[in-house]
Amino acid sequence: AIMVNGKLSRVDGPALIGLLKSMPASEIKNLEVFNNPPSKYESNGSGGMINITTKSYDANGQGGSLSLTGGYGKGEKTGASSNLHFQKRKIALYGSYSFNRNRSPEEWGLESEFDNPQSQKRVQAKSFRKPVTISHNYMFGAEYDLFKNTSLGGSLSGYSSKWDMLAMDQVTRNS
């Protein structure tokens, strides 16, 4: 389980990576890791919990960040992330979005021989693959301060990942 400023976010592993990528390190004040979460968090963090505390600024205002990434390994890797926040008096709105694309071409081969008393057979297979993974991660939320120490809020988060591959296979059979 992960919390940002003490507020629980329900995200899976890849979405957590996207969330962390969209958060500039300069905005993080403190990072707490709970191996055994306190009871007030129920059983949400049975495998542990992380609380990310961000730096606080003036209560009223707006801001955000945008980052672009790019690289090349066996194939190109690109990404973008942004986060925005707005607060005026008792109302706060916030959101983040990240996009990642990873193309990693690969080759593999297989060679087998079958001994048969009547004939010997040999099979060779080669595969040239071009997989592409595209993922989107988003989170939007709002909060309203009811009283001095009480607020009401909600958030919507989602994660989408698509893996697609083009493969060219070559199979040779010798009898």
Protein backbone atom coordinates (compact mmCIF):
# COMPACT_ATOMS: atom_id res chain seq x y z
CA ALA A 1 0.00 0.00 0.00
CA ILE A 2 1.17 3.55 -0.63
CA MET A 3 0.13 6.82 0.95
CA VAL A 4 0.86 10.34 -0.24
CA ASN A 5 0.73 12.90 2.58
CA GLY A 6 -1.01 10.34 4.80
CA LYS A 7 -3.76 9.58 2.28
CA LEU A 8 -4.06 5.99 1.09
CA SER A 9 -3.78 5.34 -2.67
CA ARG A 10 -4.67 1.94 -4.05
CA VAL A 11 -2.21 1.21 -6.85
CA ASP A 12 -0.50 -1.93 -8.13
CA GLY A 13 3.23 -2.31 -8.84
CA PRO A 14 3.46 -0.80 -12.35
CA ALA A 15 1.11 2.05 -11.38
CA LEU A 16 3.26 2.77 -8.32
CA ILE A 17 6.33 3.06 -10.55
CA GLY A 18 4.44 5.49 -12.80
CA LEU A 19 3.30 7.52 -9.79
CA LEU A 20 6.85 7.74 -8.43
CA LYS A 21 8.21 8.71 -11.88
CA SER A 22 5.70 11.57 -12.07
CA MET A 23 6.79 12.96 -8.68
CA PRO A 24 9.94 15.15 -8.82
CA ALA A 25 12.45 14.29 -6.08
CA SER A 26 12.68 18.00 -5.18
CA GLU A 27 9.01 17.86 -4.04
CA ILE A 28 9.54 14.97 -1.58
CA LYS A 29 10.14 16.00 2.03
CA ASN A 30 10.09 12.60 3.73
CA LEU A 31 9.67 8.92 2.87
CA GLU A 32 8.48 6.46 5.52
CA VAL A 33 8.49 2.69 5.11
CA PHE A 34 6.34 0.59 7.47
CA ASN A 35 7.27 -3.10 7.48
CA ASN A 36 4.39 -3.69 9.90
CA PRO A 37 1.79 -0.88 9.38
CA PRO A 38 0.05 0.62 12.43
CA SER A 39 -3.40 -0.79 13.25
CA LYS A 40 -5.16 2.42 12.19
CA TYR A 41 -4.50 1.37 8.58
CA GLU A 42 -6.39 -1.92 9.08
CA SER A 43 -4.99 -4.75 6.96
CA ASN A 44 -4.39 -2.56 3.88
CA GLY A 45 -0.65 -2.90 4.11
CA SER A 46 -0.14 -6.55 4.94
CA GLY A 47 3.00 -6.55 2.78
CA GLY A 48 4.21 -3.19 4.10
CA MET A 49 3.36 0.44 3.55
CA ILE A 50 5.09 3.52 2.15
CA ASN A 51 4.11 7.08 3.11
CA ILE A 52 5.49 9.85 0.89
CA THR A 53 5.32 13.29 2.48
CA THR A 54 5.64 16.16 0.02
CA LYS A 55 6.87 19.65 0.77
CA SER A 56 4.08 22.03 1.73
CA TYR A 57 3.67 25.51 0.38
CA ASP A 58 1.24 28.38 0.79
CA ALA A 59 -2.29 27.04 1.28
CA ASN A 60 -3.69 29.04 -1.66
CA GLY A 61 -2.38 28.81 -5.17
CA GLN A 62 -1.64 26.46 -7.99
CA GLY A 63 1.35 24.71 -9.43
CA GLY A 64 2.58 21.67 -11.19
CA SER A 65 5.37 20.03 -13.07
CA LEU A 66 6.00 18.39 -16.41
CA SER A 67 8.77 15.95 -17.26
CA LEU A 68 9.79 14.21 -20.47
CA THR A 69 12.06 11.18 -20.67
CA GLY A 70 13.76 9.43 -23.52
CA GLY A 71 16.37 6.79 -23.98
CA TYR A 72 17.61 3.95 -26.08
CA GLY A 73 18.57 0.40 -25.10
CA LYS A 74 17.87 -2.30 -27.65
CA GLY A 75 14.97 -0.06 -28.67
CA GLU A 76 13.64 3.38 -27.86
CA LYS A 77 12.05 4.27 -24.54
CA THR A 78 9.94 7.39 -24.10
CA GLY A 79 7.81 8.84 -21.35
CA ALA A 80 6.08 11.91 -20.05
CA SER A 81 4.54 12.80 -16.72
CA SER A 82 2.76 15.76 -15.20
CA ASN A 83 1.10 16.73 -11.97
CA LEU A 84 -1.04 19.72 -11.13
CA HIS A 85 -2.58 21.13 -7.98
CA PHE A 86 -4.90 23.99 -7.18
CA GLN A 87 -6.06 25.23 -3.79
CA LYS A 88 -8.25 28.15 -2.85
CA ARG A 89 -9.54 28.55 0.69
CA LYS A 90 -11.26 25.27 1.57
CA ILE A 91 -11.12 23.54 -1.82
CA ALA A 92 -8.15 21.62 -3.22
CA LEU A 93 -7.94 19.90 -6.61
CA TYR A 94 -5.01 17.76 -7.71
CA GLY A 95 -4.04 15.27 -10.36
CA SER A 96 -1.23 13.47 -12.09
CA TYR A 97 -0.74 11.61 -15.35
CA SER A 98 2.15 9.58 -16.73
CA PHE A 99 2.79 7.83 -20.03
CA ASN A 100 5.54 5.34 -20.84
CA ARG A 101 6.45 3.52 -24.07
CA ASN A 102 9.10 0.83 -24.26
CA ARG A 103 10.19 -0.95 -27.43
CA SER A 104 12.70 -3.77 -26.92
CA PRO A 105 13.40 -5.90 -30.02
CA GLU A 106 14.64 -9.42 -29.36
CA GLU A 107 15.84 -12.49 -31.23
CA TRP A 108 15.77 -16.09 -30.13
CA GLY A 109 16.36 -19.44 -31.69
CA LEU A 110 15.76 -23.12 -31.12
CA GLU A 111 17.36 -26.16 -32.66
CA SER A 112 16.21 -29.76 -32.11
CA GLU A 113 17.14 -33.15 -33.50
CA PHE A 114 14.92 -36.21 -33.36
CA ASP A 115 16.47 -39.63 -33.77
CA ASN A 116 14.10 -42.08 -35.31
CA PRO A 117 15.30 -45.50 -36.55
CA GLN A 118 13.70 -44.87 -39.95
CA SER A 119 14.78 -41.22 -40.39
CA GLN A 120 16.55 -38.44 -38.60
CA LYS A 121 14.83 -35.06 -38.42
CA ARG A 122 16.22 -31.68 -37.53
CA VAL A 123 14.16 -28.55 -36.83
CA GLN A 124 15.52 -25.03 -36.57
CA ALA A 125 13.39 -22.08 -35.51
CA LYS A 126 14.34 -18.40 -35.36
CA SER A 127 12.10 -15.63 -34.13
CA PHE A 128 12.59 -11.90 -34.57
CA ARG A 129 10.25 -10.04 -32.22
CA LYS A 130 9.37 -6.39 -31.83
CA PRO A 131 7.37 -6.04 -28.57
CA VAL A 132 6.03 -2.64 -27.49
CA THR A 133 4.63 -1.84 -24.05
CA ILE A 134 2.55 1.31 -23.59
CA SER A 135 1.24 2.31 -20.17
CA HIS A 136 -0.87 5.16 -18.81
CA ASN A 137 -1.27 6.02 -15.14
CA TYR A 138 -3.57 8.75 -13.81
CA MET A 139 -4.95 10.07 -10.55
CA PHE A 140 -7.36 12.95 -9.94
CA GLY A 141 -8.76 14.11 -6.64
CA ALA A 142 -10.56 16.81 -4.73
CA GLU A 143 -10.70 17.77 -1.09
CA TYR A 144 -12.91 20.11 0.92
CA ASP A 145 -12.04 21.34 4.43
CA LEU A 146 -15.15 20.94 6.57
CA PHE A 147 -13.60 22.05 9.89
CA LYS A 148 -10.14 22.85 11.25
CA ASN A 149 -8.98 19.22 11.47
CA THR A 150 -11.59 17.55 9.24
CA SER A 151 -11.72 17.34 5.48
CA LEU A 152 -13.76 15.38 2.98
CA GLY A 153 -12.14 14.19 -0.20
CA GLY A 154 -12.02 11.60 -2.89
CA SER A 155 -9.81 10.49 -5.70
CA LEU A 156 -10.03 8.51 -8.90
CA SER A 157 -7.03 6.59 -10.13
CA GLY A 158 -6.39 4.21 -12.96
CA TYR A 159 -3.73 2.30 -14.77
CA SER A 160 -3.70 0.90 -18.28
CA SER A 161 -1.00 -1.20 -19.88
CA LYS A 162 -0.96 -2.63 -23.38
CA TRP A 163 1.63 -5.08 -24.65
CA ASP A 164 1.74 -5.69 -28.40
CA MET A 165 4.21 -7.67 -30.46
CA LEU A 166 5.04 -8.22 -34.11
CA ALA A 167 6.96 -11.47 -34.62
CA MET A 168 8.61 -12.81 -37.74
CA ASP A 169 9.34 -16.51 -37.40
CA GLN A 170 11.44 -18.74 -39.63
CA VAL A 171 11.17 -22.53 -39.24
CA THR A 172 13.36 -24.98 -41.19
CA ARG A 173 12.77 -28.73 -41.13
CA ASN A 174 15.31 -31.21 -42.57
CA SER A 175 14.35 -34.82 -43.06
